[in-house]
Amino acid sequence: MAGQVSPSAIEGLARHEFDALNTLLLVVILGLCVLSSYLIKKYKCYYLPESAATLLVGLVVGAVARVMDPSKAELDFLSFDPEMFFFLLLPPIIFEAGYTLRSKQFFRNIGTIVAYAVFGTLVSTFVVGYAVFGLAKVGWIHVDPKNPMEAMMFGALISAVDPVATLSIMGNPELHCDPLLYSLVFGESVLNDAVAVVLFRVFSRYYTRPELATSHQVPSAVAEFVVVSLGSVAVGVAIGLMTALLFKHSRLRDYPTYEVGLLFVLAYGSYALSEALELSGIMGLFFCGVVMSHYNSYNLSEVAREAAEVIFHGLAMVSETFVFLLMGMGLFTGRFSGWSPTFILFAILLCLVSRLLNTFPISAAANVARHGDDKIPMKMQVMIWFAGLRGAIAFALSQNMPGPHKDIYETTTLGVIFFTTIICGGLTATMLSRTGMKRVPDSSGGQAGDEDDDSRPLLGNTDRGPGGREGRPSRGGAASGFHGWWRRVDASVMKPLFGGRSGADSKTRAAETGGGGGT
């Protein structure tokens, strides 16, 4: 009859009101977290990192929500959703990191970074995985003592050094972190996620089909990792270069709003395409950001170039805050049915031991190929070991654990994240001082050394990376070998084709813009 409202319409209105009130609550809490980050910076409370403060705020909010006897719908609304994390919150963080990257810093240390990311993650995965399986066999922890693949999946996910946590803590410019140290730790955190995800997928397949877990499958697992890694890089680079061509040969610079919007859409496309092809969206998006910054930043109008960096940085900051807030609330809103303090303690110990077993041997091997001031000193190796921060990627993977022990693995992963973020993160400033890994800004507040100096920060955005820090003396002379060859090809072929300047023009632009764009 006319004038009557259908039950479905009433239910829809009630649902809308419910979502509005809960969204308002999250927005208020998120705003408080941002303000707390501001206060931490203002009063230099380095013993409490911004990410740790947000994690604790989430913990309190989750506890209060739990005490108020929330409904299932309310718990669902406040719970950590892996798909929302991977497809909504993570992309802005990874893209901003790639877009503001000091590419010369990153690629100069690429060999060492790859060694940490690949071999380090493999060592950590197998040490943690087999140790957990052994503990289950003797009955010290209550997980599957028959199928080792379950423990290996946990070893893979907990071995991922998280780029979100690394950026949030070691990327704090007030810590004056040594640029080479930051380059190695951050570079490892970006690349080792691909290794961890591939290993997790392989072990997951072997868990559901144990007959596949034979020595004959090792070559196929290695091949899968190589295909995923190279394929992800290829997708990111290809979309980055296509973006540069589009912007270079169009008049988009006349419309800065469209420039920024299209830049973000195309970058997100590299992440979505990589994931759709079952590759690593993180690696694809990261290298897309690197290529866009290196070439396409010169094709943008001045308004769009400055706006893009500010907008991407703001989106990344909000996403980071939201991620840690959700993880903090997840301790109470996750509705976990299983907790094991013993497993959490063992997991923390195994993470420390496994990182010890890969950091120092790999550093020693890398130092054989590094010379003079490029060698990784023992104190820096200690910081690399200490800076193995775990975060949202490990937690998101833990929510995809199969089997009846899923809750145990989720809560253990949360325990490790809380320990590395609050304890290790809170002690980072002290450890940097004790190990001599802090760098004091020069008197002018500018960069020490020339454009290729290792003392320059890995990230160009001064609000994110350890910018403006003194570091090791610059290595004089022209680059030789592959690096020298690539510089010549880049200057004579790539930049004229895709965009960019070389030589004195690049240095002049870097001085004018503070290095925010690509070089």
Protein backbone atom coordinates (compact mmCIF):
# COMPACT_ATOMS: atom_id res chain seq x y z
CA MET A 1 0.00 0.00 0.00
CA ALA A 2 1.00 3.60 -0.60
CA GLY A 3 2.79 5.25 2.27
CA GLN A 4 4.08 2.01 3.74
CA VAL A 5 7.81 1.34 3.95
CA SER A 6 8.95 -2.15 3.06
CA PRO A 7 10.89 -4.20 5.63
CA SER A 8 13.91 -4.27 3.28
CA ALA A 9 13.93 -0.46 3.13
CA ILE A 10 13.76 -0.22 6.94
CA GLU A 11 16.60 -2.72 7.23
CA GLY A 12 18.60 -0.73 4.69
CA LEU A 13 18.12 2.51 6.63
CA ALA A 14 19.10 0.82 9.88
CA ARG A 15 22.21 -0.61 8.23
CA HIS A 16 23.11 2.81 6.83
CA GLU A 17 22.77 4.42 10.27
CA PHE A 18 24.86 1.63 11.82
CA ASP A 19 27.63 2.10 9.24
CA ALA A 20 27.53 5.89 9.66
CA LEU A 21 27.92 5.75 13.45
CA ASN A 22 30.73 3.20 13.33
CA THR A 23 32.51 5.08 10.56
CA LEU A 24 32.28 8.26 12.64
CA LEU A 25 33.83 6.38 15.57
CA LEU A 26 36.72 5.16 13.40
CA VAL A 27 37.29 8.63 11.94
CA VAL A 28 37.44 10.19 15.43
CA ILE A 29 39.87 7.52 16.63
CA LEU A 30 41.97 7.88 13.48
CA GLY A 31 42.12 11.63 14.01
CA LEU A 32 43.26 11.10 17.60
CA CYS A 33 46.00 8.76 16.36
CA VAL A 34 47.23 11.37 13.89
CA LEU A 35 47.25 13.99 16.64
CA SER A 36 49.17 11.61 18.91
CA SER A 37 51.74 11.21 16.12
CA TYR A 38 52.06 14.98 15.97
CA LEU A 39 52.59 15.17 19.74
CA ILE A 40 55.21 12.41 19.60
CA LYS A 41 57.12 14.38 16.98
CA LYS A 42 56.68 17.69 18.82
CA TYR A 43 57.89 16.39 22.19
CA LYS A 44 60.40 13.93 20.68
CA CYS A 45 59.06 10.85 22.46
CA TYR A 46 61.30 8.45 20.53
CA TYR A 47 60.85 5.69 23.09
CA LEU A 48 57.25 5.40 21.83
CA PRO A 49 57.16 5.19 18.01
CA GLU A 50 54.08 6.52 16.24
CA SER A 51 53.14 3.03 15.06
CA ALA A 52 53.45 1.66 18.59
CA ALA A 53 51.26 4.48 19.95
CA THR A 54 48.61 3.75 17.31
CA LEU A 55 48.82 0.04 18.13
CA LEU A 56 48.21 0.80 21.80
CA VAL A 57 45.30 3.14 21.00
CA GLY A 58 43.76 0.34 18.96
CA LEU A 59 44.33 -2.05 21.84
CA VAL A 60 42.43 0.25 24.24
CA VAL A 61 39.60 0.86 21.76
CA GLY A 62 39.28 -2.87 21.10
CA ALA A 63 39.20 -3.62 24.83
CA VAL A 64 36.51 -1.00 25.46
CA ALA A 65 34.47 -2.27 22.53
CA ARG A 66 34.72 -5.82 23.82
CA VAL A 67 33.61 -4.83 27.34
CA MET A 68 30.51 -3.10 25.91
CA ASP A 69 29.27 -6.46 24.60
CA PRO A 70 29.18 -5.57 20.89
CA SER A 71 27.08 -7.38 18.32
CA LYS A 72 28.58 -9.62 15.68
CA ALA A 73 28.06 -6.89 13.06
CA GLU A 74 29.98 -4.38 15.20
CA LEU A 75 32.87 -6.81 15.71
CA ASP A 76 32.96 -7.49 11.97
CA PHE A 77 33.10 -3.75 11.29
CA LEU A 78 36.07 -3.25 13.65
CA SER A 79 37.95 -6.39 12.62
CA PHE A 80 41.06 -6.53 10.44
CA ASP A 81 40.08 -7.56 6.90
CA PRO A 82 43.02 -9.01 4.89
CA GLU A 83 41.43 -8.14 1.54
CA MET A 84 40.84 -4.53 2.59
CA PHE A 85 44.43 -4.37 3.77
CA PHE A 86 45.97 -5.80 0.59
CA PHE A 87 43.79 -3.91 -1.91
CA LEU A 88 42.97 -0.64 -0.14
CA LEU A 89 45.45 0.20 2.62
CA LEU A 90 48.72 -1.32 1.43
CA PRO A 91 48.96 0.12 -2.14
CA PRO A 92 49.29 3.83 -1.13
CA ILE A 93 52.09 2.94 1.33
CA ILE A 94 54.11 0.89 -1.15
CA PHE A 95 53.63 3.30 -4.05
CA GLU A 96 54.66 6.31 -2.00
CA ALA A 97 57.77 4.44 -0.86
CA GLY A 98 58.72 3.63 -4.46
CA TYR A 99 57.85 7.08 -5.76
CA THR A 100 60.03 8.90 -3.21
CA LEU A 101 62.87 6.37 -3.41
CA ARG A 102 66.45 7.46 -4.01
CA SER A 103 66.89 4.99 -6.84
CA LYS A 104 70.68 5.28 -6.97
CA GLN A 105 70.91 4.42 -3.28
CA PHE A 106 68.65 1.42 -3.71
CA PHE A 107 70.24 -0.02 -6.84
CA ARG A 108 73.80 0.60 -5.64
CA ASN A 109 73.09 -1.84 -2.80
CA ILE A 110 70.75 -4.12 -4.77
CA GLY A 111 73.01 -7.18 -4.55
CA THR A 112 73.18 -7.07 -0.77
CA ILE A 113 69.47 -6.25 -0.49
CA VAL A 114 68.51 -9.23 -2.66
CA ALA A 115 70.79 -11.50 -0.60
CA TYR A 116 69.06 -10.43 2.62
CA ALA A 117 65.60 -10.66 1.05
CA VAL A 118 65.98 -14.05 -0.64
CA PHE A 119 68.54 -16.09 1.27
CA GLY A 120 67.72 -14.43 4.59
CA THR A 121 64.02 -15.17 4.25
CA LEU A 122 64.72 -18.77 3.19
CA VAL A 123 66.98 -19.38 6.19
CA SER A 124 64.50 -17.77 8.58
CA THR A 125 61.56 -19.70 7.13
CA PHE A 126 63.17 -23.11 7.47
CA VAL A 127 64.69 -22.41 10.90
CA VAL A 128 61.37 -21.19 12.34
CA GLY A 129 59.28 -23.76 10.48
CA TYR A 130 61.24 -26.85 11.48
CA ALA A 131 61.74 -25.58 15.04
CA VAL A 132 57.96 -25.06 15.44
CA PHE A 133 57.33 -28.52 14.01
CA GLY A 134 59.87 -29.99 16.44
CA LEU A 135 58.24 -28.21 19.39
CA ALA A 136 54.89 -29.62 18.29
CA LYS A 137 56.34 -33.14 18.05
CA VAL A 138 57.54 -33.02 21.66
CA GLY A 139 54.23 -31.53 22.80
CA TRP A 140 55.52 -28.12 23.97
CA ILE A 141 53.12 -26.25 21.69
CA HIS A 142 49.74 -27.43 20.46
CA VAL A 143 49.83 -27.31 16.66
CA ASP A 144 49.89 -30.06 14.03
CA PRO A 145 52.70 -32.52 14.94
CA LYS A 146 52.18 -34.67 11.83
CA ASN A 147 52.17 -32.35 8.82
CA PRO A 148 55.28 -30.10 8.77
CA MET A 149 53.77 -27.89 6.06
CA GLU A 150 51.57 -26.11 8.60
CA ALA A 151 54.62 -25.06 10.61
CA MET A 152 56.47 -24.13 7.42
CA MET A 153 53.62 -21.82 6.42
CA PHE A 154 53.98 -20.06 9.76
CA GLY A 155 57.75 -19.88 9.24
CA ALA A 156 57.19 -18.18 5.88
CA LEU A 157 54.67 -15.59 7.07
CA ILE A 158 56.56 -14.67 10.24
CA SER A 159 59.83 -14.23 8.30
CA ALA A 160 58.49 -11.27 6.32
CA VAL A 161 60.15 -8.04 7.52
CA ASP A 162 57.28 -5.60 7.10
CA PRO A 163 57.80 -2.47 4.93
CA VAL A 164 54.91 -0.68 6.68
CA ALA A 165 56.51 -1.14 10.11
CA THR A 166 59.99 -0.33 8.77
CA LEU A 167 58.82 2.90 7.13
CA SER A 168 56.86 3.90 10.23
CA ILE A 169 59.73 3.41 12.68
CA MET A 170 63.13 3.50 10.96
CA GLY A 171 61.88 5.97 8.37
CA ASN A 172 61.26 8.57 11.09
CA PRO A 173 63.51 11.50 10.09
CA GLU A 174 64.00 12.55 13.72
CA LEU A 175 65.90 9.30 14.40
CA HIS A 176 68.68 10.33 11.95
CA CYS A 177 69.11 6.68 10.92
CA ASP A 178 72.26 5.89 8.97
CA PRO A 179 71.26 6.02 5.27
CA LEU A 180 73.07 2.80 4.30
CA LEU A 181 71.47 0.95 7.22
CA TYR A 182 68.04 2.25 6.24
CA SER A 183 68.65 1.35 2.59
CA LEU A 184 69.45 -2.25 3.47
CA VAL A 185 66.62 -2.78 5.96
CA PHE A 186 63.93 -1.04 3.91
CA GLY A 187 65.05 -2.64 0.65
CA GLU A 188 64.97 -6.06 2.29
CA SER A 189 61.49 -5.43 3.70
CA VAL A 190 60.06 -4.61 0.26
CA LEU A 191 61.61 -7.52 -1.63
CA ASN A 192 61.35 -10.26 0.98
CA ASP A 193 57.57 -10.02 1.01
CA ALA A 194 57.54 -11.58 -2.45
CA VAL A 195 59.70 -14.43 -1.15
CA ALA A 196 57.48 -14.92 1.91
CA VAL A 197 54.26 -14.88 -0.11
CA VAL A 198 55.61 -17.37 -2.67
CA LEU A 199 56.84 -19.70 0.08
CA PHE A 200 53.48 -19.40 1.85
CA ARG A 201 51.64 -20.34 -1.36
CA VAL A 202 53.95 -23.30 -2.03
CA PHE A 203 53.66 -24.68 1.51
CA SER A 204 49.89 -24.11 1.43
CA ARG A 205 49.64 -26.20 -1.71
CA TYR A 206 51.75 -28.94 -0.13
CA TYR A 207 49.60 -28.78 3.01
CA THR A 208 46.43 -29.60 1.10
CA ARG A 209 48.19 -32.10 -1.19
CA PRO A 210 50.98 -33.77 0.83
CA GLU A 211 51.87 -36.07 -2.06
CA LEU A 212 53.37 -33.06 -3.86
CA ALA A 213 55.89 -32.44 -1.06
CA THR A 214 58.82 -34.32 -2.62
CA SER A 215 62.35 -33.35 -3.52
CA HIS A 216 61.30 -33.34 -7.17
CA GLN A 217 59.13 -30.28 -6.48
CA VAL A 218 62.04 -28.13 -5.29
CA PRO A 219 63.02 -26.97 -8.82
CA SER A 220 59.40 -26.02 -9.56
CA ALA A 221 59.20 -24.03 -6.32
CA VAL A 222 62.42 -22.18 -7.20
CA ALA A 223 61.11 -21.56 -10.72
CA GLU A 224 57.85 -20.20 -9.29
CA PHE A 225 59.75 -17.75 -7.12
CA VAL A 226 61.86 -16.56 -10.06
CA VAL A 227 58.79 -16.16 -12.29
CA VAL A 228 56.87 -14.26 -9.60
CA SER A 229 59.78 -11.94 -8.84
CA LEU A 230 60.79 -11.16 -12.42
CA GLY A 231 57.18 -11.05 -13.61
CA SER A 232 56.23 -8.57 -10.88
CA VAL A 233 59.16 -6.31 -11.71
CA ALA A 234 58.34 -6.54 -15.43
CA VAL A 235 54.69 -5.55 -14.86
CA GLY A 236 55.65 -2.60 -12.68
CA VAL A 237 58.37 -1.35 -15.04
CA ALA A 238 56.18 -1.78 -18.13
CA ILE A 239 53.27 0.19 -16.68
CA GLY A 240 55.67 2.84 -15.39
CA LEU A 241 57.24 3.27 -18.83
CA MET A 242 53.86 3.31 -20.58
CA THR A 243 52.73 5.99 -18.14
CA ALA A 244 55.82 8.07 -18.94
CA LEU A 245 55.15 7.76 -22.69
CA LEU A 246 51.50 8.76 -22.26
CA PHE A 247 52.33 11.82 -20.19
CA LYS A 248 55.26 12.83 -22.42
CA HIS A 249 53.26 12.72 -25.65
CA SER A 250 50.04 14.32 -24.42
CA ARG A 251 48.94 17.66 -23.02
CA LEU A 252 47.86 16.28 -19.67
CA ARG A 253 50.21 18.80 -18.04
CA ASP A 254 47.63 21.45 -18.92
CA TYR A 255 45.23 19.75 -16.48
CA PRO A 256 47.06 19.06 -13.18
CA THR A 257 43.99 17.46 -11.58
CA TYR A 258 43.83 14.82 -14.31
CA GLU A 259 47.59 14.32 -14.10
CA VAL A 260 47.53 13.38 -10.42
CA GLY A 261 44.37 11.30 -10.75
CA LEU A 262 45.62 9.33 -13.75
CA LEU A 263 49.03 8.83 -12.13
CA PHE A 264 47.44 7.18 -9.12
CA VAL A 265 45.01 5.08 -11.21
CA LEU A 266 47.79 3.73 -13.44
CA ALA A 267 49.98 2.98 -10.44
CA TYR A 268 47.16 1.10 -8.76
CA GLY A 269 46.66 -0.73 -12.04
CA SER A 270 50.16 -2.21 -11.74
CA TYR A 271 49.26 -3.61 -8.31
CA ALA A 272 45.91 -5.01 -9.46
CA LEU A 273 47.41 -6.53 -12.61
CA SER A 274 50.23 -8.18 -10.68
CA GLU A 275 47.79 -9.69 -8.21
CA ALA A 276 45.45 -10.81 -11.00
CA LEU A 277 48.37 -12.62 -12.64
CA GLU A 278 49.20 -14.24 -9.25
CA LEU A 279 52.42 -12.25 -9.02
CA SER A 280 53.54 -9.92 -6.23
CA GLY A 281 51.52 -6.73 -6.22
CA ILE A 282 53.94 -5.22 -3.70
CA MET A 283 56.95 -5.63 -5.98
CA GLY A 284 55.02 -4.59 -9.07
CA LEU A 285 53.71 -1.39 -7.49
CA PHE A 286 57.03 -0.56 -5.84
CA PHE A 287 59.00 -0.74 -9.10
CA CYS A 288 56.21 1.08 -10.93
CA GLY A 289 56.64 3.93 -8.44
CA VAL A 290 60.42 3.90 -8.95
CA VAL A 291 60.08 4.12 -12.74
CA MET A 292 57.38 6.79 -12.60
CA SER A 293 59.54 8.92 -10.34
CA HIS A 294 62.68 8.37 -12.43
CA TYR A 295 61.14 9.29 -15.79
CA ASN A 296 57.57 10.55 -15.54
CA SER A 297 58.16 13.15 -12.83
CA TYR A 298 59.82 15.27 -15.54
CA ASN A 299 56.71 15.03 -17.70
CA LEU A 300 54.44 16.46 -15.01
CA SER A 301 53.57 20.11 -14.57
CA GLU A 302 55.15 21.79 -11.58
CA VAL A 303 51.77 21.95 -9.82
CA ALA A 304 51.10 18.24 -10.33
CA ARG A 305 54.64 17.25 -9.32
CA GLU A 306 54.40 19.02 -5.98
CA ALA A 307 50.78 18.00 -5.36
CA ALA A 308 51.45 14.34 -6.17
CA GLU A 309 54.17 13.99 -3.56
CA VAL A 310 52.09 15.68 -0.86
CA ILE A 311 48.93 13.72 -1.70
CA PHE A 312 50.69 10.35 -1.92
CA HIS A 313 52.52 11.00 1.33
CA GLY A 314 49.28 11.97 3.07
CA LEU A 315 47.48 8.87 1.81
CA ALA A 316 50.36 6.66 2.92
CA MET A 317 50.40 8.22 6.39
CA VAL A 318 46.65 7.73 6.89
CA SER A 319 46.85 4.16 5.58
CA GLU A 320 49.74 3.32 7.91
CA THR A 321 47.86 4.72 10.89
CA PHE A 322 44.71 2.79 9.97
CA VAL A 323 46.67 -0.47 9.57
CA PHE A 324 48.23 -0.29 13.04
CA LEU A 325 44.92 0.85 14.56
CA LEU A 326 43.11 -2.19 13.12
CA MET A 327 45.84 -4.57 14.30
CA GLY A 328 45.63 -3.13 17.80
CA MET A 329 41.86 -3.54 17.88
CA GLY A 330 42.23 -7.01 16.38
CA LEU A 331 43.56 -8.36 19.65
CA PHE A 332 40.06 -8.04 21.12
CA THR A 333 37.79 -7.91 18.05
CA GLY A 334 39.27 -10.97 16.36
CA ARG A 335 37.18 -13.42 18.42
CA PHE A 336 40.11 -15.82 18.71
CA SER A 337 39.39 -19.12 20.38
CA GLY A 338 42.99 -20.10 21.05
CA TRP A 339 45.92 -18.41 22.81
CA SER A 340 49.30 -19.89 23.63
CA PRO A 341 51.68 -17.67 25.66
CA THR A 342 54.28 -20.43 25.39
CA PHE A 343 54.05 -20.42 21.60
CA ILE A 344 54.30 -16.61 21.52
CA LEU A 345 57.48 -16.67 23.62
CA PHE A 346 59.01 -19.43 21.48
CA ALA A 347 58.03 -17.58 18.29
CA ILE A 348 59.72 -14.36 19.46
CA LEU A 349 62.85 -16.30 20.41
CA LEU A 350 62.89 -18.17 17.10
CA CYS A 351 62.48 -14.93 15.13
CA LEU A 352 65.50 -13.46 16.92
CA VAL A 353 67.60 -16.60 16.46
CA SER A 354 66.67 -17.16 12.82
CA ARG A 355 67.46 -13.54 11.96
CA LEU A 356 70.77 -13.91 13.77
CA LEU A 357 71.59 -16.97 11.67
CA ASN A 358 70.99 -15.17 8.40
CA THR A 359 72.02 -11.56 9.04
CA PHE A 360 75.64 -12.07 10.07
CA PRO A 361 76.62 -14.80 7.55
CA ILE A 362 75.02 -12.90 4.66
CA SER A 363 76.67 -9.64 5.77
CA ALA A 364 80.06 -11.39 5.93
CA ALA A 365 79.55 -12.78 2.42
CA ALA A 366 78.41 -9.37 1.12
CA ASN A 367 81.47 -7.66 2.61
CA VAL A 368 83.70 -9.84 0.44
CA ALA A 369 82.37 -8.01 -2.61
CA ARG A 370 82.23 -4.58 -0.92
CA HIS A 371 85.29 -2.37 -0.54
CA GLY A 372 86.50 0.26 1.89
CA ASP A 373 83.75 2.44 3.34
CA ASP A 374 81.14 0.31 1.56
CA LYS A 375 81.63 -2.62 3.93
CA ILE A 376 78.87 -3.29 6.42
CA PRO A 377 80.42 -2.81 9.89
CA MET A 378 79.60 -5.14 12.76
CA LYS A 379 77.58 -2.48 14.60
CA MET A 380 75.41 -2.00 11.53
CA GLN A 381 74.92 -5.75 11.29
CA VAL A 382 73.67 -5.72 14.88
CA MET A 383 71.12 -3.04 13.96
CA ILE A 384 70.01 -4.98 10.87
CA TRP A 385 69.43 -8.00 13.09
CA PHE A 386 67.55 -5.89 15.65
CA ALA A 387 65.42 -4.12 13.03
CA GLY A 388 63.51 -7.21 11.85
CA LEU A 389 60.09 -5.65 12.43
CA ARG A 390 56.98 -7.72 11.72
CA GLY A 391 53.66 -6.14 10.84
CA ALA A 392 50.42 -6.23 8.91
CA ILE A 393 51.57 -8.44 6.04
CA ALA A 394 52.43 -11.27 8.43
CA PHE A 395 49.10 -10.81 10.23
CA ALA A 396 47.16 -10.77 6.96
CA LEU A 397 48.85 -13.99 5.83
CA SER A 398 48.15 -15.61 9.20
CA GLN A 399 44.43 -15.10 8.58
CA ASN A 400 44.77 -17.33 5.53
CA MET A 401 46.22 -20.21 7.54
CA PRO A 402 44.27 -23.44 6.97
CA GLY A 403 43.45 -26.11 9.51
CA PRO A 404 42.11 -26.20 13.06
CA HIS A 405 45.06 -24.30 14.57
CA LYS A 406 44.44 -21.07 12.66
CA ASP A 407 43.57 -19.05 15.80
CA ILE A 408 46.77 -20.14 17.55
CA TYR A 409 48.87 -18.95 14.61
CA GLU A 410 46.96 -15.66 14.35
CA THR A 411 47.35 -14.78 18.02
CA THR A 412 51.01 -15.82 17.99
CA THR A 413 51.61 -13.59 14.97
CA LEU A 414 49.92 -10.69 16.77
CA GLY A 415 52.13 -11.33 19.80
CA VAL A 416 55.27 -11.14 17.66
CA ILE A 417 54.02 -7.95 15.99
CA PHE A 418 53.33 -6.29 19.35
CA PHE A 419 56.79 -7.28 20.60
CA THR A 420 58.73 -6.06 17.54
CA THR A 421 56.69 -2.85 17.15
CA ILE A 422 56.51 -1.74 20.79
CA ILE A 423 59.67 -3.22 22.33
CA CYS A 424 62.08 -3.30 19.36
CA GLY A 425 60.58 -0.17 17.83
CA GLY A 426 60.71 1.69 21.14
CA LEU A 427 64.36 0.75 21.62
CA THR A 428 65.38 1.67 18.06
CA ALA A 429 66.51 5.21 18.94
CA THR A 430 68.56 3.90 21.89
CA MET A 431 70.11 1.15 19.76
CA LEU A 432 70.98 3.61 17.00
CA SER A 433 72.80 5.77 19.54
CA ARG A 434 74.56 2.85 21.22
CA THR A 435 75.76 1.39 17.93
CA GLY A 436 76.75 4.76 16.46
CA MET A 437 74.25 4.41 13.60
CA LYS A 438 72.84 7.92 13.97
CA ARG A 439 73.91 10.67 11.61
CA VAL A 440 73.85 14.34 12.62
CA PRO A 441 72.38 16.81 10.08
CA ASP A 442 74.91 19.12 8.46
CA SER A 443 74.90 22.74 9.54
CA SER A 444 73.12 23.89 6.38
CA GLY A 445 70.37 21.31 6.72
CA GLY A 446 71.16 20.10 3.21
CA GLN A 447 72.53 16.91 1.82
CA ALA A 448 76.04 15.81 2.52
CA GLY A 449 77.97 14.77 -0.52
CA ASP A 450 77.12 14.76 -4.18
CA GLU A 451 74.20 13.22 -5.97
CA ASP A 452 75.63 9.74 -5.85
CA ASP A 453 76.80 9.82 -2.27
CA ASP A 454 75.85 6.88 -0.11
CA SER A 455 75.10 9.33 2.67
CA ARG A 456 71.97 10.48 0.91
CA PRO A 457 68.71 9.00 2.14
CA LEU A 458 66.95 6.14 0.45
CA LEU A 459 63.66 8.03 0.41
CA GLY A 460 63.49 11.50 -1.05
CA ASN A 461 60.55 12.76 1.03
CA THR A 462 62.05 14.43 4.07
CA ASP A 463 59.04 13.55 6.18
CA ARG A 464 59.51 9.87 5.52
CA GLY A 465 63.12 8.91 5.05
CA PRO A 466 66.16 9.89 7.07
CA GLY A 467 66.84 12.88 4.85
CA GLY A 468 69.55 15.47 5.23
CA ARG A 469 71.94 13.27 7.17
CA GLU A 470 75.67 13.11 7.00
CA GLY A 471 76.98 9.71 6.06
CA ARG A 472 79.93 8.05 4.51
CA PRO A 473 82.21 10.00 2.23
CA SER A 474 81.19 9.99 -1.38
CA ARG A 475 82.87 7.63 -3.74
CA GLY A 476 84.52 9.76 -6.30
CA GLY A 477 85.04 9.03 -9.93
CA ALA A 478 82.76 7.87 -12.68
CA ALA A 479 80.85 4.68 -12.25
CA SER A 480 82.26 1.65 -14.00
CA GLY A 481 81.01 -1.79 -14.93
CA PHE A 482 77.30 -2.40 -15.22
CA HIS A 483 76.36 0.75 -13.30
CA GLY A 484 78.44 2.90 -15.61
CA TRP A 485 77.01 1.21 -18.69
CA TRP A 486 73.44 1.66 -17.44
CA ARG A 487 73.99 5.34 -16.68
CA ARG A 488 75.14 5.93 -20.24
CA VAL A 489 72.17 4.02 -21.69
CA ASP A 490 69.80 5.82 -19.33
CA ALA A 491 71.11 9.24 -20.30
CA SER A 492 71.40 8.65 -24.05
CA VAL A 493 68.40 6.37 -24.74
CA MET A 494 65.90 6.01 -21.90
CA LYS A 495 65.56 9.61 -20.72
CA PRO A 496 65.17 11.13 -24.20
CA LEU A 497 62.51 8.49 -24.95
CA PHE A 498 60.54 8.44 -21.70
CA GLY A 499 61.39 11.72 -20.01
CA GLY A 500 64.10 13.15 -17.81
CA ARG A 501 67.24 15.19 -17.84
CA SER A 502 70.83 14.20 -17.39
CA GLY A 503 74.08 15.72 -16.31
CA ALA A 504 74.06 19.24 -14.97
CA ASP A 505 70.33 19.68 -15.61
CA SER A 506 69.50 16.81 -13.27
CA LYS A 507 71.70 18.18 -10.53
CA THR A 508 70.21 21.64 -10.96
CA ARG A 509 66.67 20.27 -10.74
CA ALA A 510 67.58 18.10 -7.74
CA ALA A 511 68.92 21.19 -5.95
CA GLU A 512 65.79 23.17 -6.77
CA THR A 513 63.29 20.48 -5.74
CA GLY A 514 65.20 18.90 -2.86
CA GLY A 515 65.40 15.62 -4.76
CA GLY A 516 61.72 14.85 -4.50
CA GLY A 517 61.40 13.57 -8.04
CA GLY A 518 63.33 10.87 -9.77
CA THR A 519 66.94 11.32 -10.84
